[in-house]
C-alpha cells in the first residue's frame, strides 16, 4: 500500500461509505503502486474481501458513484484478450472527488467539466461517467476506445523518496524474536503499538531490543526486564540509533488492527481493549459482530 493511498483512505469519513465498500477500497489501496497503478483482478478482490461477484460489483459501483474510484477496461491490441481492469483512486483524479458526492469537499463551486456538468473537453462530447449519461456496463466498468500501452507513470522527481509503510504485526514479530524476556505477548503488542503511535522510531526500538539482548547475554532471567516494562520505561531511547523510513501513523495502525480483527488473529484478543474496539467500530473499520467473532470484547 502506498503512503498516499493510506493517507487518503484514512481521510474518508466513515459515514460516507458502507462496510463492504470500505473492504474493497482497502484492498484497492493495498494494491496501489505510485508508479505502476492499480490492477487487481476481481477474483483477488472477491477472495480478500469475502464478497460474492454480485457484492463486489455492487460495492465497486457504489465507490464509483461516490467519486472514490474510476475503472477502465483494456484489451490487448494484438490478441484482443481482455487485460486486467485499471483502477484509479480518488486522490489520483484531476477533480475533487465528484465535487460533493463525498463530504468534506466544497459544494458551492460553480459547475465545471470537472464537477459533473458540461463537456469533459473541447472534443465532441461523448457520454462518460463525468457527463451524466454513463458508458458504464451493468458492472460499472468503462470501456476504452483506445488501448493503453502501459500504465501512466506518476511523476515523482520533485517528491521525497518513497517511504516504507509501517506494519505493526511484522514489527511486533521482529521485536518478540529479538527481546530476551517476554512476559505477556498481548501486553507487549499493546506497548509496541502505544510506543510507535506516540512517535517512537520502530527501527530504534528494534535496535534497542537487540542491544539489550546482547547486553544481558549470560545474565539470569530474573535480572532481565520483561519486555512490556522495558517498553513502558522507553529504555530503547538510549540504545541503538534511528535509521527508519517507516511511517507509523495512528490511522495506519487502526486500519491494520481492524484488518487483524476481521481475519481473526488471536493476538488481537488480549491486546485490544474494549475502548479501543469501540473506537474502531465508531470509525467504521470493523463491526461489533466481527469483534465478537474474534473474541475481542466491547
C-alpha atoms as a PDB file:
ATOM      1  CA  UNK A   1       0.000   0.000   0.000  1.00  0.00           C
ATOM      2  CA  UNK A   2       1.453   3.383  -0.956  1.00  0.00           C
ATOM      3  CA  UNK A   3       1.725   6.187   1.584  1.00  0.00           C
ATOM      4  CA  UNK A   4      -0.607   8.409  -0.456  1.00  0.00           C
ATOM      5  CA  UNK A   5      -3.238   5.674  -0.658  1.00  0.00           C
ATOM      6  CA  UNK A   6      -3.038   5.055   3.107  1.00  0.00           C
ATOM      7  CA  UNK A   7      -3.355   8.743   3.971  1.00  0.00           C
ATOM      8  CA  UNK A   8      -6.233   9.213   1.542  1.00  0.00           C
ATOM      9  CA  UNK A   9      -8.127   6.145   2.796  1.00  0.00           C
ATOM     10  CA  UNK A  10      -7.782   7.298   6.406  1.00  0.00           C
ATOM     11  CA  UNK A  11      -9.208  10.734   5.476  1.00  0.00           C
ATOM     12  CA  UNK A  12     -12.518   9.378   4.130  1.00  0.00           C
ATOM     13  CA  UNK A  13     -15.321   9.921   6.699  1.00  0.00           C
ATOM     14  CA  UNK A  14     -16.653   6.523   7.899  1.00  0.00           C
ATOM     15  CA  UNK A  15     -20.277   7.521   7.297  1.00  0.00           C
ATOM     16  CA  UNK A  16     -19.595   8.167   3.600  1.00  0.00           C
ATOM     17  CA  UNK A  17     -19.093   4.522   2.627  1.00  0.00           C
ATOM     18  CA  UNK A  18     -20.569   1.187   3.626  1.00  0.00           C
ATOM     19  CA  UNK A  19     -18.598  -1.556   5.320  1.00  0.00           C
ATOM     20  CA  UNK A  20     -18.456  -3.585   2.095  1.00  0.00           C
ATOM     21  CA  UNK A  21     -17.261  -0.580   0.117  1.00  0.00           C
ATOM     22  CA  UNK A  22     -14.545   0.019   2.705  1.00  0.00           C
ATOM     23  CA  UNK A  23     -13.385  -3.599   2.459  1.00  0.00           C
ATOM     24  CA  UNK A  24     -12.964  -3.368  -1.307  1.00  0.00           C
ATOM     25  CA  UNK A  25     -11.405   0.104  -1.165  1.00  0.00           C
ATOM     26  CA  UNK A  26      -8.919  -1.068   1.486  1.00  0.00           C
ATOM     27  CA  UNK A  27      -7.656  -3.825  -0.815  1.00  0.00           C
ATOM     28  CA  UNK A  28      -7.559  -1.490  -3.816  1.00  0.00           C
ATOM     29  CA  UNK A  29      -5.357   0.847  -1.783  1.00  0.00           C
ATOM     30  CA  UNK A  30      -3.274  -2.145  -0.687  1.00  0.00           C
ATOM     31  CA  UNK A  31      -2.633  -2.998  -4.373  1.00  0.00           C
ATOM     32  CA  UNK A  32      -1.851   0.606  -5.351  1.00  0.00           C
ATOM     33  CA  UNK A  33       1.627   1.320  -6.681  1.00  0.00           C
ATOM     34  CA  UNK A  34       2.518   5.013  -7.202  1.00  0.00           C
ATOM     35  CA  UNK A  35       4.428   4.346 -10.421  1.00  0.00           C
ATOM     36  CA  UNK A  36       2.620   1.291 -11.835  1.00  0.00           C
ATOM     37  CA  UNK A  37      -1.033   1.893 -10.976  1.00  0.00           C
ATOM     38  CA  UNK A  38      -3.650  -0.447  -9.522  1.00  0.00           C
ATOM     39  CA  UNK A  39      -4.646  -3.617 -11.410  1.00  0.00           C
ATOM     40  CA  UNK A  40      -6.047  -6.290  -9.003  1.00  0.00           C
ATOM     41  CA  UNK A  41      -8.250  -8.972 -10.537  1.00  0.00           C
ATOM     42  CA  UNK A  42     -11.877  -9.257  -9.488  1.00  0.00           C
ATOM     43  CA  UNK A  43     -11.114 -12.767  -8.233  1.00  0.00           C
ATOM     44  CA  UNK A  44      -8.458 -11.331  -5.918  1.00  0.00           C
ATOM     45  CA  UNK A  45     -10.848  -8.679  -4.587  1.00  0.00           C
ATOM     46  CA  UNK A  46     -13.506 -11.350  -4.062  1.00  0.00           C
ATOM     47  CA  UNK A  47     -11.126 -13.592  -2.086  1.00  0.00           C
ATOM     48  CA  UNK A  48      -9.710 -10.781   0.035  1.00  0.00           C
ATOM     49  CA  UNK A  49     -12.991  -9.017   0.841  1.00  0.00           C
ATOM     50  CA  UNK A  50     -15.143 -12.137   1.204  1.00  0.00           C
ATOM     51  CA  UNK A  51     -17.805 -10.814  -1.145  1.00  0.00           C
ATOM     52  CA  UNK A  52     -19.664 -12.542  -3.969  1.00  0.00           C
ATOM     53  CA  UNK A  53     -19.380 -11.455  -7.596  1.00  0.00           C
ATOM     54  CA  UNK A  54     -22.617  -9.518  -7.216  1.00  0.00           C
ATOM     55  CA  UNK A  55     -21.487  -7.982  -3.942  1.00  0.00           C
ATOM     56  CA  UNK A  56     -18.116  -6.918  -5.369  1.00  0.00           C
ATOM     57  CA  UNK A  57     -19.782  -5.281  -8.374  1.00  0.00           C
ATOM     58  CA  UNK A  58     -22.274  -3.517  -6.095  1.00  0.00           C
ATOM     59  CA  UNK A  59     -19.520  -2.169  -3.828  1.00  0.00           C
ATOM     60  CA  UNK A  60     -17.330  -1.099  -6.740  1.00  0.00           C
ATOM     61  CA  UNK A  61     -20.253   0.652  -8.401  1.00  0.00           C
ATOM     62  CA  UNK A  62     -21.077   2.394  -5.105  1.00  0.00           C
ATOM     63  CA  UNK A  63     -17.479   3.632  -4.791  1.00  0.00           C
ATOM     64  CA  UNK A  64     -17.574   4.802  -8.405  1.00  0.00           C
ATOM     65  CA  UNK A  65     -20.854   6.673  -7.939  1.00  0.00           C
ATOM     66  CA  UNK A  66     -19.348   8.442  -4.920  1.00  0.00           C
ATOM     67  CA  UNK A  67     -16.346   9.504  -6.978  1.00  0.00           C
ATOM     68  CA  UNK A  68     -13.849   7.469  -4.967  1.00  0.00           C
ATOM     69  CA  UNK A  69     -12.670   5.272  -7.844  1.00  0.00           C
ATOM     70  CA  UNK A  70     -12.751   5.032 -11.617  1.00  0.00           C
ATOM     71  CA  UNK A  71     -12.467   1.810 -13.640  1.00  0.00           C
ATOM     72  CA  UNK A  72     -11.272   1.238 -17.178  1.00  0.00           C
ATOM     73  CA  UNK A  73     -11.362  -1.932 -19.224  1.00  0.00           C
ATOM     74  CA  UNK A  74      -8.479  -2.573 -21.592  1.00  0.00           C
ATOM     75  CA  UNK A  75      -7.800  -5.131 -24.332  1.00  0.00           C
ATOM     76  CA  UNK A  76      -4.565  -6.367 -25.859  1.00  0.00           C
ATOM     77  CA  UNK A  77      -4.388  -4.765 -29.336  1.00  0.00           C
ATOM     78  CA  UNK A  78      -2.857  -7.943 -30.827  1.00  0.00           C
ATOM     79  CA  UNK A  79      -4.576 -10.862 -29.073  1.00  0.00           C
ATOM     80  CA  UNK A  80      -7.795  -8.903 -28.401  1.00  0.00           C
ATOM     81  CA  UNK A  81      -7.891 -10.565 -24.995  1.00  0.00           C
ATOM     82  CA  UNK A  82      -9.150  -8.629 -22.015  1.00  0.00           C
ATOM     83  CA  UNK A  83      -6.433  -7.200 -19.792  1.00  0.00           C
ATOM     84  CA  UNK A  84      -6.745  -6.501 -16.028  1.00  0.00           C
ATOM     85  CA  UNK A  85      -9.077  -3.641 -15.127  1.00  0.00           C
ATOM     86  CA  UNK A  86      -7.247  -0.437 -14.272  1.00  0.00           C
ATOM     87  CA  UNK A  87      -8.453   1.295 -11.096  1.00  0.00           C
ATOM     88  CA  UNK A  88      -7.861   4.988 -10.494  1.00  0.00           C
ATOM     89  CA  UNK A  89      -8.248   6.065  -6.870  1.00  0.00           C
ATOM     90  CA  UNK A  90      -9.840   9.349  -5.833  1.00  0.00           C
ATOM     91  CA  UNK A  91      -6.630  11.129  -4.906  1.00  0.00           C
ATOM     92  CA  UNK A  92      -5.208  10.407  -8.375  1.00  0.00           C
ATOM     93  CA  UNK A  93      -8.115  12.011 -10.225  1.00  0.00           C
ATOM     94  CA  UNK A  94      -7.903  15.506 -11.676  1.00  0.00           C
ATOM     95  CA  UNK A  95     -11.072  16.513  -9.883  1.00  0.00           C
ATOM     96  CA  UNK A  96     -12.232  16.926  -6.300  1.00  0.00           C
ATOM     97  CA  UNK A  97     -13.927  13.522  -5.991  1.00  0.00           C
ATOM     98  CA  UNK A  98     -17.067  14.388  -7.983  1.00  0.00           C
ATOM     99  CA  UNK A  99     -17.251  17.708  -6.139  1.00  0.00           C
ATOM    100  CA  UNK A 100     -19.811  16.972  -3.468  1.00  0.00           C
ATOM    101  CA  UNK A 101     -20.526  13.242  -3.560  1.00  0.00           C
ATOM    102  CA  UNK A 102     -18.218  12.775  -0.591  1.00  0.00           C
ATOM    103  CA  UNK A 103     -18.486  15.014   2.459  1.00  0.00           C
ATOM    104  CA  UNK A 104     -15.638  17.326   3.300  1.00  0.00           C
ATOM    105  CA  UNK A 105     -15.443  18.922  -0.198  1.00  0.00           C
ATOM    106  CA  UNK A 106     -16.696  22.328  -1.254  1.00  0.00           C
ATOM    107  CA  UNK A 107     -20.224  22.071  -2.651  1.00  0.00           C
ATOM    108  CA  UNK A 108     -20.552  25.759  -3.536  1.00  0.00           C
ATOM    109  CA  UNK A 109     -18.346  25.778  -6.633  1.00  0.00           C
ATOM    110  CA  UNK A 110     -19.951  26.575  -9.991  1.00  0.00           C
ATOM    111  CA  UNK A 111     -20.492  23.737 -12.476  1.00  0.00           C
ATOM    112  CA  UNK A 112     -17.394  22.904 -14.499  1.00  0.00           C
ATOM    113  CA  UNK A 113     -16.339  19.975 -16.676  1.00  0.00           C
ATOM    114  CA  UNK A 114     -14.675  18.559 -13.562  1.00  0.00           C
ATOM    115  CA  UNK A 115     -17.658  18.851 -11.239  1.00  0.00           C
ATOM    116  CA  UNK A 116     -20.080  16.805 -13.288  1.00  0.00           C
ATOM    117  CA  UNK A 117     -21.819  19.370 -15.556  1.00  0.00           C
ATOM    118  CA  UNK A 118     -20.720  20.349 -19.042  1.00  0.00           C
ATOM    119  CA  UNK A 119     -18.475  18.726 -21.619  1.00  0.00           C
ATOM    120  CA  UNK A 120     -15.358  16.949 -20.452  1.00  0.00           C
ATOM    121  CA  UNK A 121     -13.132  18.595 -23.055  1.00  0.00           C
ATOM    122  CA  UNK A 122     -13.179  20.623 -26.267  1.00  0.00           C
ATOM    123  CA  UNK A 123     -13.676  17.438 -28.285  1.00  0.00           C
ATOM    124  CA  UNK A 124     -17.082  16.206 -29.401  1.00  0.00           C
ATOM    125  CA  UNK A 125     -18.868  15.226 -26.230  1.00  0.00           C
ATOM    126  CA  UNK A 126     -19.381  11.518 -25.662  1.00  0.00           C
ATOM    127  CA  UNK A 127     -21.262  10.085 -22.692  1.00  0.00           C
ATOM    128  CA  UNK A 128     -18.871   9.372 -19.817  1.00  0.00           C
ATOM    129  CA  UNK A 129     -19.179   8.922 -16.043  1.00  0.00           C
ATOM    130  CA  UNK A 130     -18.471  12.678 -15.749  1.00  0.00           C
ATOM    131  CA  UNK A 131     -21.167  13.922 -18.112  1.00  0.00           C
ATOM    132  CA  UNK A 132     -24.179  12.161 -16.651  1.00  0.00           C
ATOM    133  CA  UNK A 133     -25.013   9.706 -19.450  1.00  0.00           C
ATOM    134  CA  UNK A 134     -22.731   6.915 -18.403  1.00  0.00           C
ATOM    135  CA  UNK A 135     -20.895   4.490 -20.662  1.00  0.00           C
ATOM    136  CA  UNK A 136     -20.842   2.043 -17.787  1.00  0.00           C
ATOM    137  CA  UNK A 137     -21.720  -1.564 -18.386  1.00  0.00           C
ATOM    138  CA  UNK A 138     -24.023  -3.183 -15.798  1.00  0.00           C
ATOM    139  CA  UNK A 139     -20.885  -3.865 -13.750  1.00  0.00           C
ATOM    140  CA  UNK A 140     -19.907  -0.183 -13.851  1.00  0.00           C
ATOM    141  CA  UNK A 141     -16.745  -0.676 -15.945  1.00  0.00           C
ATOM    142  CA  UNK A 142     -15.742   1.973 -18.501  1.00  0.00           C
ATOM    143  CA  UNK A 143     -14.900   0.656 -21.991  1.00  0.00           C
ATOM    144  CA  UNK A 144     -11.973   2.457 -23.587  1.00  0.00           C
ATOM    145  CA  UNK A 145     -11.865   3.315 -27.297  1.00  0.00           C
ATOM    146  CA  UNK A 146      -8.093   3.064 -27.485  1.00  0.00           C
ATOM    147  CA  UNK A 147      -5.963   0.572 -25.542  1.00  0.00           C
ATOM    148  CA  UNK A 148      -3.442   1.854 -23.046  1.00  0.00           C
ATOM    149  CA  UNK A 149       0.018   0.627 -23.954  1.00  0.00           C
ATOM    150  CA  UNK A 150       1.238   0.882 -20.385  1.00  0.00           C
ATOM    151  CA  UNK A 151       0.033   2.365 -17.074  1.00  0.00           C
ATOM    152  CA  UNK A 152       0.621   6.081 -16.604  1.00  0.00           C
ATOM    153  CA  UNK A 153       3.776   6.709 -14.586  1.00  0.00           C
ATOM    154  CA  UNK A 154       3.277   9.063 -11.675  1.00  0.00           C
ATOM    155  CA  UNK A 155       5.927  11.811 -11.731  1.00  0.00           C
ATOM    156  CA  UNK A 156       7.947  11.751  -8.559  1.00  0.00           C
ATOM    157  CA  UNK A 157      11.144  13.688  -9.357  1.00  0.00           C
ATOM    158  CA  UNK A 158      10.048  16.611  -7.188  1.00  0.00           C
ATOM    159  CA  UNK A 159       8.832  14.420  -4.357  1.00  0.00           C
ATOM    160  CA  UNK A 160      10.707  12.961  -1.429  1.00  0.00           C
ATOM    161  CA  UNK A 161      11.958   9.390  -1.621  1.00  0.00           C
ATOM    162  CA  UNK A 162       9.054   6.938  -1.169  1.00  0.00           C
ATOM    163  CA  UNK A 163       8.565   5.751   2.384  1.00  0.00           C
ATOM    164  CA  UNK A 164       8.006   2.213   3.562  1.00  0.00           C
ATOM    165  CA  UNK A 165       4.612   1.798   5.197  1.00  0.00           C
ATOM    166  CA  UNK A 166       4.791   0.600   8.788  1.00  0.00           C
ATOM    167  CA  UNK A 167       3.393  -2.864   9.521  1.00  0.00           C
ATOM    168  CA  UNK A 168       2.575  -3.434  13.210  1.00  0.00           C
ATOM    169  CA  UNK A 169       2.367  -7.220  13.027  1.00  0.00           C
ATOM    170  CA  UNK A 170       5.760  -7.629  11.314  1.00  0.00           C
ATOM    171  CA  UNK A 171       7.290  -5.094  13.694  1.00  0.00           C
ATOM    172  CA  UNK A 172       5.895  -6.938  16.745  1.00  0.00           C
ATOM    173  CA  UNK A 173       7.133 -10.275  15.421  1.00  0.00           C
ATOM    174  CA  UNK A 174      10.669  -8.917  14.974  1.00  0.00           C
ATOM    175  CA  UNK A 175      10.635  -7.409  18.451  1.00  0.00           C
ATOM    176  CA  UNK A 176       9.409 -10.622  20.088  1.00  0.00           C
ATOM    177  CA  UNK A 177      12.210 -12.539  18.344  1.00  0.00           C
ATOM    178  CA  UNK A 178      14.858 -10.026  19.438  1.00  0.00           C
ATOM    179  CA  UNK A 179      13.947  -9.289  23.055  1.00  0.00           C
ATOM    180  CA  UNK A 180      15.426 -11.663  25.684  1.00  0.00           C
ATOM    181  CA  UNK A 181      12.457 -11.898  28.069  1.00  0.00           C
ATOM    182  CA  UNK A 182       8.773 -11.819  27.110  1.00  0.00           C
ATOM    183  CA  UNK A 183       6.023 -11.773  29.715  1.00  0.00           C
ATOM    184  CA  UNK A 184       2.569 -11.313  28.196  1.00  0.00           C
ATOM    185  CA  UNK A 185       2.623 -11.284  24.413  1.00  0.00           C
ATOM    186  CA  UNK A 186      -0.598  -9.294  24.188  1.00  0.00           C
ATOM    187  CA  UNK A 187       0.762  -6.664  26.602  1.00  0.00           C
ATOM    188  CA  UNK A 188       3.951  -6.419  24.547  1.00  0.00           C
ATOM    189  CA  UNK A 189       1.962  -5.844  21.340  1.00  0.00           C
ATOM    190  CA  UNK A 190      -0.140  -3.173  23.059  1.00  0.00           C
ATOM    191  CA  UNK A 191       3.011  -1.483  24.434  1.00  0.00           C
ATOM    192  CA  UNK A 192       4.658  -1.527  20.993  1.00  0.00           C
ATOM    193  CA  UNK A 193       1.559  -0.011  19.436  1.00  0.00           C
ATOM    194  CA  UNK A 194       1.484   2.712  22.082  1.00  0.00           C
ATOM    195  CA  UNK A 195       5.175   3.457  21.530  1.00  0.00           C
ATOM    196  CA  UNK A 196       5.059   3.877  17.748  1.00  0.00           C
ATOM    197  CA  UNK A 197       1.801   5.859  17.722  1.00  0.00           C
ATOM    198  CA  UNK A 198       3.427   8.067  20.361  1.00  0.00           C
ATOM    199  CA  UNK A 199       6.261   8.907  17.965  1.00  0.00           C
ATOM    200  CA  UNK A 200       8.876   6.216  18.670  1.00  0.00           C
ATOM    201  CA  UNK A 201      11.094   5.203  15.745  1.00  0.00           C
ATOM    202  CA  UNK A 202      10.325   1.496  15.025  1.00  0.00           C
ATOM    203  CA  UNK A 203      13.899   0.811  13.889  1.00  0.00           C
ATOM    204  CA  UNK A 204      15.318   2.392  17.028  1.00  0.00           C
ATOM    205  CA  UNK A 205      13.052   0.241  19.200  1.00  0.00           C
ATOM    206  CA  UNK A 206      14.244  -2.904  17.386  1.00  0.00           C
ATOM    207  CA  UNK A 207      17.862  -1.781  17.579  1.00  0.00           C
ATOM    208  CA  UNK A 208      17.421  -1.126  21.291  1.00  0.00           C
ATOM    209  CA  UNK A 209      15.889  -4.577  21.824  1.00  0.00           C
ATOM    210  CA  UNK A 210      18.838  -6.246  20.067  1.00  0.00           C
ATOM    211  CA  UNK A 211      21.340  -4.148  22.026  1.00  0.00           C
ATOM    212  CA  UNK A 212      19.627  -5.015  25.323  1.00  0.00           C
ATOM    213  CA  UNK A 213      19.638  -8.721  24.425  1.00  0.00           C
ATOM    214  CA  UNK A 214      23.380  -8.560  23.752  1.00  0.00           C
ATOM    215  CA  UNK A 215      23.920  -6.652  26.981  1.00  0.00           C
ATOM    216  CA  UNK A 216      22.010  -9.241  29.027  1.00  0.00           C
ATOM    217  CA  UNK A 217      23.505 -12.313  27.368  1.00  0.00           C
ATOM    218  CA  UNK A 218      24.507 -14.820  30.048  1.00  0.00           C
ATOM    219  CA  UNK A 219      22.559 -12.982  32.769  1.00  0.00           C
ATOM    220  CA  UNK A 220      19.963 -14.829  34.864  1.00  0.00           C
ATOM    221  CA  UNK A 221      16.407 -14.368  33.640  1.00  0.00           C
ATOM    222  CA  UNK A 222      15.235 -12.875  36.936  1.00  0.00           C
ATOM    223  CA  UNK A 223      17.578  -9.917  36.380  1.00  0.00           C
ATOM    224  CA  UNK A 224      16.320  -9.232  32.872  1.00  0.00           C
ATOM    225  CA  UNK A 225      13.410  -6.797  32.400  1.00  0.00           C
ATOM    226  CA  UNK A 226      10.136  -8.001  30.991  1.00  0.00           C
ATOM    227  CA  UNK A 227       9.571  -6.610  27.512  1.00  0.00           C
ATOM    228  CA  UNK A 228       6.370  -4.757  28.407  1.00  0.00           C
ATOM    229  CA  UNK A 229       8.089  -2.985  31.346  1.00  0.00           C
ATOM    230  CA  UNK A 230      11.142  -2.175  29.202  1.00  0.00           C
ATOM    231  CA  UNK A 231       8.865  -0.590  26.608  1.00  0.00           C
ATOM    232  CA  UNK A 232       6.796   1.309  29.175  1.00  0.00           C
ATOM    233  CA  UNK A 233      10.023   2.838  30.526  1.00  0.00           C
ATOM    234  CA  UNK A 234      11.151   3.778  26.974  1.00  0.00           C
ATOM    235  CA  UNK A 235      14.529   2.175  27.573  1.00  0.00           C
ATOM    236  CA  UNK A 236      15.179   1.885  23.841  1.00  0.00           C
ATOM    237  CA  UNK A 237      15.896   5.637  23.751  1.00  0.00           C
ATOM    238  CA  UNK A 238      19.475   5.161  24.953  1.00  0.00           C
ATOM    239  CA  UNK A 239      20.186   2.081  22.839  1.00  0.00           C
ATOM    240  CA  UNK A 240      20.634   1.868  19.087  1.00  0.00           C
ATOM    241  CA  UNK A 241      20.427   4.613  16.508  1.00  0.00           C
ATOM    242  CA  UNK A 242      17.349   5.515  14.487  1.00  0.00           C
ATOM    243  CA  UNK A 243      17.588   4.733  10.790  1.00  0.00           C
ATOM    244  CA  UNK A 244      13.975   4.445   9.768  1.00  0.00           C
ATOM    245  CA  UNK A 245      11.948   5.357   6.705  1.00  0.00           C
ATOM    246  CA  UNK A 246       8.797   3.738   8.086  1.00  0.00           C
ATOM    247  CA  UNK A 247       5.685   5.827   8.659  1.00  0.00           C
ATOM    248  CA  UNK A 248       3.652   4.792  11.700  1.00  0.00           C
ATOM    249  CA  UNK A 249       0.510   6.912  11.983  1.00  0.00           C
ATOM    250  CA  UNK A 250      -2.494   6.271  14.180  1.00  0.00           C
ATOM    251  CA  UNK A 251      -4.636   5.851  11.060  1.00  0.00           C
ATOM    252  CA  UNK A 252      -2.284   3.193   9.655  1.00  0.00           C
ATOM    253  CA  UNK A 253      -2.242   1.252  12.914  1.00  0.00           C
ATOM    254  CA  UNK A 254      -6.047   1.486  13.238  1.00  0.00           C
ATOM    255  CA  UNK A 255      -6.530   0.043   9.744  1.00  0.00           C
ATOM    256  CA  UNK A 256      -4.073  -2.785  10.406  1.00  0.00           C
ATOM    257  CA  UNK A 257      -5.611  -3.613  13.788  1.00  0.00           C
ATOM    258  CA  UNK A 258      -9.112  -3.698  12.260  1.00  0.00           C
ATOM    259  CA  UNK A 259      -7.882  -5.979   9.479  1.00  0.00           C
ATOM    260  CA  UNK A 260      -6.302  -8.322  12.046  1.00  0.00           C
ATOM    261  CA  UNK A 261      -9.604  -8.497  13.960  1.00  0.00           C
ATOM    262  CA  UNK A 262     -11.520  -9.216  10.748  1.00  0.00           C
ATOM    263  CA  UNK A 263      -9.061 -12.002   9.906  1.00  0.00           C
ATOM    264  CA  UNK A 264      -9.480 -13.490  13.394  1.00  0.00           C
ATOM    265  CA  UNK A 265      -5.866 -13.054  14.539  1.00  0.00           C
ATOM    266  CA  UNK A 266      -5.603 -14.458  18.066  1.00  0.00           C
ATOM    267  CA  UNK A 267      -3.086 -11.878  19.279  1.00  0.00           C
ATOM    268  CA  UNK A 268      -5.736  -9.143  18.967  1.00  0.00           C
ATOM    269  CA  UNK A 269      -7.865 -10.612  21.781  1.00  0.00           C
ATOM    270  CA  UNK A 270      -5.680  -9.602  24.712  1.00  0.00           C
ATOM    271  CA  UNK A 271      -4.131  -6.516  23.119  1.00  0.00           C
ATOM    272  CA  UNK A 272      -7.374  -4.771  22.047  1.00  0.00           C
ATOM    273  CA  UNK A 273      -9.124  -3.048  24.913  1.00  0.00           C
ATOM    274  CA  UNK A 274     -12.922  -2.605  24.865  1.00  0.00           C
ATOM    275  CA  UNK A 275     -12.453   1.169  24.469  1.00  0.00           C
ATOM    276  CA  UNK A 276     -10.141   0.664  21.507  1.00  0.00           C
ATOM    277  CA  UNK A 277     -12.519  -1.868  19.940  1.00  0.00           C
ATOM    278  CA  UNK A 278     -15.409   0.583  20.260  1.00  0.00           C
ATOM    279  CA  UNK A 279     -13.253   3.283  18.655  1.00  0.00           C
ATOM    280  CA  UNK A 280     -12.573   1.015  15.653  1.00  0.00           C
ATOM    281  CA  UNK A 281     -16.297   0.270  15.364  1.00  0.00           C
ATOM    282  CA  UNK A 282     -17.089   4.002  15.532  1.00  0.00           C
ATOM    283  CA  UNK A 283     -14.552   4.663  12.742  1.00  0.00           C
ATOM    284  CA  UNK A 284     -16.313   2.087  10.581  1.00  0.00           C
ATOM    285  CA  UNK A 285     -13.195  -0.075  10.275  1.00  0.00           C
ATOM    286  CA  UNK A 286     -14.765  -3.129  11.882  1.00  0.00           C
ATOM    287  CA  UNK A 287     -18.198  -4.251  13.075  1.00  0.00           C
ATOM    288  CA  UNK A 288     -19.320  -5.375  16.529  1.00  0.00           C
ATOM    289  CA  UNK A 289     -20.106  -8.809  15.098  1.00  0.00           C
ATOM    290  CA  UNK A 290     -16.565  -9.176  13.740  1.00  0.00           C
ATOM    291  CA  UNK A 291     -15.093  -8.189  17.120  1.00  0.00           C
ATOM    292  CA  UNK A 292     -17.225 -10.769  18.919  1.00  0.00           C
ATOM    293  CA  UNK A 293     -16.389 -13.441  16.340  1.00  0.00           C
ATOM    294  CA  UNK A 294     -12.673 -12.975  17.019  1.00  0.00           C
ATOM    295  CA  UNK A 295     -13.155 -12.774  20.798  1.00  0.00           C
ATOM    296  CA  UNK A 296     -12.445  -9.062  21.198  1.00  0.00           C
ATOM    297  CA  UNK A 297     -14.545  -7.585  23.996  1.00  0.00           C
ATOM    298  CA  UNK A 298     -16.629  -4.415  23.515  1.00  0.00           C
END
